[in-house]
Amino acid sequence: MATTLVSTAERDVRLAGLPGWSYDAAHGAISKSFRFPDFVAAFGFMARVALVAERAGHHPDWNNVYDRVDIRLTTHDAGGLTQRDFELAQAIELLAD
């Protein structure tokens, strides 16, 4: 699926509305680390994100170590950040609350 990359200015504006998310220049992605009370809570969060990501057809690069979930979003087939990444980040924020 061809998708348009967001501009640097648009990226910065969108990031301002996503507390804790930052630009990862090395991967052309946005990323955030989430902390939970324990492994079960972290894994439950990952399961909820997985369901949303599957419905969107857009999947995160992520890692889980005990109570922490690190998420990185980029649109691989577009070669960088697109609207899809920011939409998924917003959905993830709702799930983390």
Protein backbone atom coordinates (compact mmCIF):
# COMPACT_ATOMS: atom_id res chain seq x y z
CA MET A 1 0.00 0.00 0.00
CA ALA A 2 1.56 3.29 -1.09
CA THR A 3 1.32 5.92 1.61
CA THR A 4 2.61 9.48 1.74
CA LEU A 5 5.37 10.30 4.20
CA VAL A 6 4.66 13.10 6.66
CA SER A 7 6.84 16.19 6.49
CA THR A 8 9.26 17.07 9.27
CA ALA A 9 6.99 19.94 10.33
CA GLU A 10 3.91 17.70 10.38
CA ARG A 11 5.83 15.05 12.33
CA ASP A 12 6.80 17.60 14.97
CA VAL A 13 3.24 18.92 15.30
CA ARG A 14 1.82 15.41 15.65
CA LEU A 15 4.48 14.40 18.17
CA ALA A 16 3.57 17.41 20.31
CA GLY A 17 0.14 15.82 20.77
CA LEU A 18 1.60 12.46 21.83
CA PRO A 19 3.18 12.81 25.28
CA GLY A 20 6.24 10.65 25.77
CA TRP A 21 6.62 9.73 22.10
CA SER A 22 9.82 10.80 20.36
CA TYR A 23 11.34 10.70 16.92
CA ASP A 24 13.87 7.92 16.34
CA ALA A 25 15.97 9.20 13.44
CA ALA A 26 18.00 5.99 13.17
CA HIS A 27 14.84 4.04 12.30
CA GLY A 28 12.71 6.78 10.74
CA ALA A 29 10.16 6.02 13.43
CA ILE A 30 8.38 7.29 16.51
CA SER A 31 8.85 5.43 19.76
CA LYS A 32 7.76 5.25 23.38
CA SER A 33 8.46 3.09 26.41
CA PHE A 34 5.49 2.10 28.58
CA ARG A 35 5.77 0.88 32.19
CA PHE A 36 3.25 -1.30 34.01
CA PRO A 37 2.90 -2.71 37.54
CA ASP A 38 4.03 -6.17 36.44
CA PHE A 39 4.47 -8.60 33.54
CA VAL A 40 0.79 -9.56 33.39
CA ALA A 41 -0.29 -5.94 32.98
CA ALA A 42 2.38 -5.34 30.32
CA PHE A 43 1.41 -8.46 28.42
CA GLY A 44 -2.29 -7.58 28.63
CA PHE A 45 -1.49 -4.18 27.12
CA MET A 46 0.41 -5.87 24.30
CA ALA A 47 -2.56 -8.14 23.59
CA ARG A 48 -4.91 -5.14 23.35
CA VAL A 49 -2.46 -3.30 21.05
CA ALA A 50 -2.09 -6.42 18.90
CA LEU A 51 -5.85 -6.56 18.27
CA VAL A 52 -6.00 -2.88 17.27
CA ALA A 53 -2.89 -3.18 15.09
CA GLU A 54 -4.25 -6.24 13.31
CA ARG A 55 -7.54 -4.48 12.52
CA ALA A 56 -5.55 -1.51 11.17
CA GLY A 57 -3.22 -3.75 9.18
CA HIS A 58 -0.32 -1.83 10.69
CA HIS A 59 1.97 -3.55 13.17
CA PRO A 60 4.46 -2.15 15.68
CA ASP A 61 8.06 -3.10 16.19
CA TRP A 62 8.14 -3.81 19.90
CA ASN A 63 9.91 -5.42 22.79
CA ASN A 64 8.75 -6.54 26.22
CA VAL A 65 10.93 -7.02 29.29
CA TYR A 66 8.93 -7.81 32.42
CA ASP A 67 7.00 -4.58 33.21
CA ARG A 68 8.18 -2.52 30.21
CA VAL A 69 6.90 -2.43 26.63
CA ASP A 70 8.96 -0.49 24.08
CA ILE A 71 7.09 0.39 20.89
CA ARG A 72 8.49 1.76 17.64
CA LEU A 73 6.21 2.73 14.74
CA THR A 74 7.16 3.31 11.14
CA THR A 75 5.57 2.46 7.82
CA HIS A 76 8.12 0.10 6.35
CA ASP A 77 6.66 -0.06 2.84
CA ALA A 78 6.68 3.76 2.64
CA GLY A 79 10.18 4.07 4.05
CA GLY A 80 9.34 6.27 7.03
CA LEU A 81 6.57 7.95 8.97
CA THR A 82 3.05 8.22 7.63
CA GLN A 83 -0.35 9.15 9.01
CA ARG A 84 -0.86 5.47 9.86
CA ASP A 85 1.91 5.60 12.47
CA PHE A 86 0.37 8.55 14.26
CA GLU A 87 -3.11 7.03 14.14
CA LEU A 88 -1.82 3.83 15.71
CA ALA A 89 0.15 5.80 18.32
CA GLN A 90 -3.05 7.63 19.29
CA ALA A 91 -4.92 4.34 19.59
CA ILE A 92 -2.10 2.91 21.71
CA GLU A 93 -2.30 5.93 24.03
CA LEU A 94 -5.99 5.24 24.61
CA LEU A 95 -5.20 1.62 25.46
CA ALA A 96 -2.47 2.63 27.91
CA ASP A 97 -4.80 4.84 29.97
